[in-house]
Amino acid sequence: MNAAEHRALRELWAFTTNLERHWTSLAGRIEAGEPDAAAALRDGVAASARLRAALRPAMAARDLYAESAAEAAGRLVSPRPPAGDAVLERNQALRFAVLDVQHVVTLLGYLARLAAVDGDAELRALLETGEGELRAAEGRIRQAAVALGDRPDDAIRPAGSRAGHLVGYAIGYAGEWVDRRIGRRRGR
């Protein structure tokens, strides 16, 4: 196994850990108002968990382990901006959730190519299967996020607590106020 493949598999473990944690939390937050999106998130979590269950023995057979340090890193890494779901609107939280799975799907495609170069057909097949399942999850979450555009009032409902949303709203309002002032001074 080459170094690129080794590192990317550990990264995959970290980012699937992150995806599962984030999507489980977000599904719970939006369940009442967006049951279809919550179901899609949970299905994506299940697909990620299946992938990790299949990866565990495949990685061990290649003398690669990721369940300690890489899993802990999965609690810290994220392809999303640092704002938590508690301060976001539903549309924002779902659009950011798409970033989680896009990163994992891209990483799976990259890893499948590395496995092909290494001549590891078994690992390549496992990665391609995971890529297909998570690409389907990506499509469903993206579709749910885009569909909120049809329901503007629901789109701007809080993804988290009312208090958290008010903090996010206040930050957004302050930013708009500053931009308005600067824009007027510049004559725009």
Foldseek 3Di string as FASTA:
>chain_A
DDPVLLVLVLLLLLLLLLLLVQLQVLLVLCCVPQVQLSVLSVLLNVLSVVLVVVVQVVCVVVVHDRPPPSNVVSVVDAPAPPDHLQQAFQLVSLVRSLSSLVVSLVSLVVSLVVCVVVVNPVSNVSSVVSSVSSVVSSVSSVVSSVCCVVVVVNRRHRSHDPVSNVVNVVVVVVVVVVVVVVCVVVVD
